[in-house]
Amino acid sequence: METPDETFDAQTEVARIRSRRAVARRKHYRKSRLDRYRAELVAMRRAGASCADLAEWLRIRRCRIHRSSIDRYLKRLPELHHAELPLPEGPG
């Protein structure tokens, strides 16, 4: 509570409210099952592996996950965000 001799400072109150809202707005990161395999997934993706290939590789390691989830995971990684992936070489 304010004491009678204190005056209301609107600027201070607005700053306090905005800082509280900024903290509440922060995204909470939940650890992914794919974090354990991050380096391997990045290396194989750079080598030209598709998300279906990566899903099969993870299945061998008893981590069953859909290829679209792998794609979403890889899209948010900074090391692959700006890197151009080589096109897989097809026959002929």
N, C-alpha and C. Protein backbone atom coordinates (compact mmCIF):
# COMPACT_ATOMS: atom_id res chain seq x y z
N MET A 1 0.84 -1.18 0.00
CA MET A 1 0.00 0.00 0.00
C MET A 1 0.89 1.25 0.00
N GLU A 2 0.35 2.25 -0.59
CA GLU A 2 1.06 3.51 -0.62
C GLU A 2 0.81 4.28 0.68
N THR A 3 1.85 4.96 1.08
CA THR A 3 1.66 5.83 2.24
C THR A 3 1.09 7.15 1.75
N PRO A 4 0.44 7.91 2.61
CA PRO A 4 -0.20 9.16 2.18
C PRO A 4 0.76 10.18 1.57
N ASP A 5 2.06 10.15 1.97
CA ASP A 5 2.97 11.15 1.43
C ASP A 5 3.57 10.74 0.09
N GLU A 6 3.34 9.51 -0.39
CA GLU A 6 3.83 9.08 -1.70
C GLU A 6 2.85 9.52 -2.78
N THR A 7 3.40 9.84 -3.95
CA THR A 7 2.53 10.19 -5.07
C THR A 7 2.56 9.05 -6.08
N PHE A 8 1.53 8.93 -6.82
CA PHE A 8 1.41 7.89 -7.82
C PHE A 8 2.26 8.26 -9.03
N ASP A 9 3.17 7.35 -9.42
CA ASP A 9 4.03 7.59 -10.58
C ASP A 9 3.58 6.64 -11.69
N ALA A 10 2.90 7.20 -12.67
CA ALA A 10 2.34 6.38 -13.75
C ALA A 10 3.44 5.73 -14.58
N GLN A 11 4.53 6.41 -14.83
CA GLN A 11 5.62 5.85 -15.65
C GLN A 11 6.22 4.61 -14.99
N THR A 12 6.42 4.67 -13.70
CA THR A 12 6.97 3.53 -12.96
C THR A 12 6.01 2.35 -13.00
N GLU A 13 4.73 2.62 -12.82
CA GLU A 13 3.73 1.56 -12.84
C GLU A 13 3.64 0.89 -14.21
N VAL A 14 3.68 1.69 -15.27
CA VAL A 14 3.63 1.16 -16.63
C VAL A 14 4.86 0.29 -16.89
N ALA A 15 6.03 0.75 -16.46
CA ALA A 15 7.26 -0.02 -16.65
C ALA A 15 7.19 -1.34 -15.89
N ARG A 16 6.66 -1.32 -14.69
CA ARG A 16 6.54 -2.54 -13.89
C ARG A 16 5.57 -3.52 -14.54
N ILE A 17 4.44 -3.03 -15.03
CA ILE A 17 3.46 -3.89 -15.70
C ILE A 17 4.05 -4.50 -16.96
N ARG A 18 4.75 -3.69 -17.75
CA ARG A 18 5.33 -4.20 -19.00
C ARG A 18 6.40 -5.25 -18.75
N SER A 19 7.19 -5.07 -17.70
CA SER A 19 8.21 -6.09 -17.40
C SER A 19 7.56 -7.39 -16.94
N ARG A 20 6.48 -7.29 -16.17
CA ARG A 20 5.76 -8.51 -15.75
C ARG A 20 5.15 -9.22 -16.95
N ARG A 21 4.60 -8.47 -17.90
CA ARG A 21 4.00 -9.07 -19.08
C ARG A 21 5.06 -9.71 -19.97
N ALA A 22 6.25 -9.09 -20.05
CA ALA A 22 7.33 -9.64 -20.86
C ALA A 22 7.79 -10.99 -20.31
N VAL A 23 7.86 -11.11 -19.00
CA VAL A 23 8.24 -12.38 -18.39
C VAL A 23 7.17 -13.44 -18.67
N ALA A 24 5.92 -13.07 -18.58
CA ALA A 24 4.83 -14.02 -18.82
C ALA A 24 4.77 -14.44 -20.28
N ARG A 25 5.24 -13.58 -21.18
CA ARG A 25 5.17 -13.82 -22.61
C ARG A 25 6.26 -14.77 -23.11
N ARG A 26 7.32 -14.94 -22.36
CA ARG A 26 8.44 -15.77 -22.79
C ARG A 26 7.99 -17.20 -23.05
N LYS A 27 8.56 -17.79 -24.09
CA LYS A 27 8.21 -19.17 -24.41
C LYS A 27 8.96 -20.09 -23.46
N HIS A 28 8.26 -21.09 -23.03
CA HIS A 28 8.86 -22.10 -22.17
C HIS A 28 9.29 -23.26 -23.04
N TYR A 29 10.57 -23.57 -23.03
CA TYR A 29 11.09 -24.63 -23.88
C TYR A 29 10.96 -25.96 -23.18
N ARG A 30 10.34 -26.90 -23.85
CA ARG A 30 10.24 -28.26 -23.34
C ARG A 30 11.23 -29.10 -24.13
N LYS A 31 12.01 -29.88 -23.44
CA LYS A 31 13.05 -30.67 -24.08
C LYS A 31 12.43 -31.68 -25.03
N SER A 32 13.00 -31.76 -26.23
CA SER A 32 12.51 -32.67 -27.25
C SER A 32 13.23 -34.01 -27.14
N ARG A 33 12.55 -35.07 -27.55
CA ARG A 33 13.19 -36.38 -27.61
C ARG A 33 14.31 -36.38 -28.65
N LEU A 34 14.24 -35.44 -29.60
CA LEU A 34 15.23 -35.40 -30.66
C LEU A 34 16.50 -34.66 -30.26
N ASP A 35 16.49 -33.96 -29.14
CA ASP A 35 17.68 -33.24 -28.70
C ASP A 35 18.87 -34.18 -28.51
N ARG A 36 18.61 -35.38 -28.08
CA ARG A 36 19.66 -36.37 -27.85
C ARG A 36 20.39 -36.71 -29.15
N TYR A 37 19.70 -36.64 -30.28
CA TYR A 37 20.25 -37.04 -31.58
C TYR A 37 20.54 -35.83 -32.48
N ARG A 38 20.56 -34.65 -31.91
CA ARG A 38 20.64 -33.42 -32.70
C ARG A 38 21.84 -33.40 -33.66
N ALA A 39 23.02 -33.67 -33.17
CA ALA A 39 24.22 -33.60 -34.01
C ALA A 39 24.14 -34.60 -35.16
N GLU A 40 23.67 -35.81 -34.89
CA GLU A 40 23.57 -36.83 -35.92
C GLU A 40 22.52 -36.46 -36.96
N LEU A 41 21.39 -35.93 -36.50
CA LEU A 41 20.33 -35.54 -37.43
C LEU A 41 20.79 -34.41 -38.34
N VAL A 42 21.50 -33.44 -37.79
CA VAL A 42 22.00 -32.33 -38.59
C VAL A 42 23.00 -32.83 -39.62
N ALA A 43 23.92 -33.70 -39.20
CA ALA A 43 24.94 -34.21 -40.11
C ALA A 43 24.31 -35.02 -41.24
N MET A 44 23.33 -35.86 -40.91
CA MET A 44 22.69 -36.67 -41.95
C MET A 44 21.84 -35.82 -42.88
N ARG A 45 21.20 -34.79 -42.34
CA ARG A 45 20.39 -33.90 -43.18
C ARG A 45 21.27 -33.14 -44.15
N ARG A 46 22.42 -32.66 -43.67
CA ARG A 46 23.36 -31.98 -44.54
C ARG A 46 23.93 -32.91 -45.61
N ALA A 47 23.98 -34.21 -45.28
CA ALA A 47 24.48 -35.20 -46.24
C ALA A 47 23.41 -35.57 -47.25
N GLY A 48 22.19 -35.04 -47.10
CA GLY A 48 21.14 -35.26 -48.08
C GLY A 48 20.05 -36.22 -47.66
N ALA A 49 20.01 -36.62 -46.40
CA ALA A 49 18.97 -37.53 -45.93
C ALA A 49 17.62 -36.82 -45.87
N SER A 50 16.57 -37.53 -46.25
CA SER A 50 15.22 -36.97 -46.14
C SER A 50 14.71 -37.17 -44.72
N CYS A 51 13.60 -36.54 -44.41
CA CYS A 51 13.01 -36.69 -43.08
C CYS A 51 12.53 -38.12 -42.87
N ALA A 52 12.09 -38.77 -43.94
CA ALA A 52 11.68 -40.17 -43.83
C ALA A 52 12.90 -41.05 -43.53
N ASP A 53 14.05 -40.72 -44.14
CA ASP A 53 15.28 -41.45 -43.83
C ASP A 53 15.66 -41.28 -42.36
N LEU A 54 15.54 -40.05 -41.88
CA LEU A 54 15.87 -39.78 -40.47
C LEU A 54 14.91 -40.48 -39.53
N ALA A 55 13.64 -40.54 -39.90
CA ALA A 55 12.65 -41.25 -39.07
C ALA A 55 12.99 -42.73 -38.99
N GLU A 56 13.43 -43.31 -40.10
CA GLU A 56 13.81 -44.73 -40.09
C GLU A 56 15.06 -44.94 -39.24
N TRP A 57 16.02 -44.05 -39.35
CA TRP A 57 17.24 -44.14 -38.55
C TRP A 57 16.91 -44.06 -37.06
N LEU A 58 15.98 -43.18 -36.70
CA LEU A 58 15.57 -43.06 -35.30
C LEU A 58 14.80 -44.29 -34.84
N ARG A 59 14.02 -44.88 -35.73
CA ARG A 59 13.26 -46.08 -35.39
C ARG A 59 14.20 -47.22 -35.01
N ILE A 60 15.35 -47.31 -35.69
CA ILE A 60 16.34 -48.32 -35.35
C ILE A 60 16.85 -48.11 -33.93
N ARG A 61 16.89 -46.86 -33.50
CA ARG A 61 17.35 -46.52 -32.15
C ARG A 61 16.20 -46.45 -31.15
N ARG A 62 15.08 -47.03 -31.49
CA ARG A 62 13.89 -47.12 -30.63
C ARG A 62 13.31 -45.77 -30.26
N CYS A 63 13.35 -44.87 -31.19
CA CYS A 63 12.72 -43.55 -31.01
C CYS A 63 11.74 -43.39 -32.18
N ARG A 64 10.49 -43.73 -31.94
CA ARG A 64 9.49 -43.68 -33.00
C ARG A 64 8.89 -42.29 -33.05
N ILE A 65 9.06 -41.64 -34.20
CA ILE A 65 8.57 -40.28 -34.37
C ILE A 65 8.25 -40.07 -35.84
N HIS A 66 7.24 -39.30 -36.11
CA HIS A 66 6.80 -39.08 -37.50
C HIS A 66 7.75 -38.12 -38.21
N ARG A 67 7.85 -38.29 -39.52
CA ARG A 67 8.78 -37.47 -40.31
C ARG A 67 8.43 -36.00 -40.26
N SER A 68 7.15 -35.66 -40.16
CA SER A 68 6.78 -34.25 -40.10
C SER A 68 7.25 -33.61 -38.80
N SER A 69 7.30 -34.38 -37.72
CA SER A 69 7.82 -33.85 -36.45
C SER A 69 9.31 -33.60 -36.55
N ILE A 70 10.01 -34.47 -37.27
CA ILE A 70 11.44 -34.27 -37.50
C ILE A 70 11.65 -33.02 -38.33
N ASP A 71 10.83 -32.83 -39.35
CA ASP A 71 10.93 -31.66 -40.21
C ASP A 71 10.74 -30.37 -39.40
N ARG A 72 9.72 -30.33 -38.53
CA ARG A 72 9.48 -29.16 -37.69
C ARG A 72 10.66 -28.91 -36.75
N TYR A 73 11.20 -29.99 -36.19
CA TYR A 73 12.34 -29.87 -35.28
C TYR A 73 13.54 -29.27 -36.00
N LEU A 74 13.83 -29.78 -37.19
CA LEU A 74 14.99 -29.32 -37.94
C LEU A 74 14.82 -27.87 -38.42
N LYS A 75 13.61 -27.47 -38.72
CA LYS A 75 13.37 -26.11 -39.20
C LYS A 75 13.67 -25.05 -38.15
N ARG A 76 13.60 -25.40 -36.88
CA ARG A 76 13.86 -24.40 -35.85
C ARG A 76 15.30 -24.41 -35.36
N LEU A 77 16.14 -25.28 -35.92
CA LEU A 77 17.54 -25.32 -35.51
C LEU A 77 18.33 -24.23 -36.25
N PRO A 78 19.10 -23.45 -35.52
CA PRO A 78 19.85 -22.37 -36.17
C PRO A 78 20.93 -22.87 -37.12
N GLU A 79 21.51 -24.03 -36.87
CA GLU A 79 22.57 -24.50 -37.74
C GLU A 79 22.06 -24.96 -39.10
N LEU A 80 20.76 -25.21 -39.23
CA LEU A 80 20.19 -25.59 -40.51
C LEU A 80 19.30 -24.49 -41.08
N HIS A 81 19.06 -23.46 -40.31
CA HIS A 81 18.12 -22.42 -40.72
C HIS A 81 18.58 -21.69 -41.98
N HIS A 82 19.84 -21.31 -42.02
CA HIS A 82 20.34 -20.54 -43.15
C HIS A 82 21.18 -21.38 -44.10
N ALA A 83 21.49 -22.60 -43.71
CA ALA A 83 22.33 -23.45 -44.57
C ALA A 83 21.51 -24.00 -45.71
N GLU A 84 22.09 -23.99 -46.88
CA GLU A 84 21.42 -24.59 -48.03
C GLU A 84 21.71 -26.06 -48.05
N LEU A 85 20.67 -26.85 -48.17
CA LEU A 85 20.85 -28.29 -48.20
C LEU A 85 21.14 -28.73 -49.63
N PRO A 86 22.07 -29.68 -49.80
CA PRO A 86 22.35 -30.17 -51.13
C PRO A 86 21.17 -31.01 -51.63
N LEU A 87 20.92 -30.93 -52.92
CA LEU A 87 19.86 -31.73 -53.50
C LEU A 87 20.31 -33.18 -53.62
N PRO A 88 19.46 -34.12 -53.25
CA PRO A 88 19.85 -35.52 -53.39
C PRO A 88 20.02 -35.86 -54.87
N GLU A 89 21.07 -36.59 -55.16
CA GLU A 89 21.35 -36.96 -56.54
C GLU A 89 20.49 -38.16 -56.93
N GLY A 90 19.77 -37.99 -58.00
CA GLY A 90 18.91 -39.08 -58.48
C GLY A 90 19.59 -39.83 -59.61
N PRO A 91 18.96 -40.88 -60.08
CA PRO A 91 19.54 -41.64 -61.17
C PRO A 91 19.56 -40.82 -62.46
N GLY A 92 20.65 -40.96 -63.17
CA GLY A 92 20.79 -40.40 -64.50
C GLY A 92 20.93 -38.96 -64.55
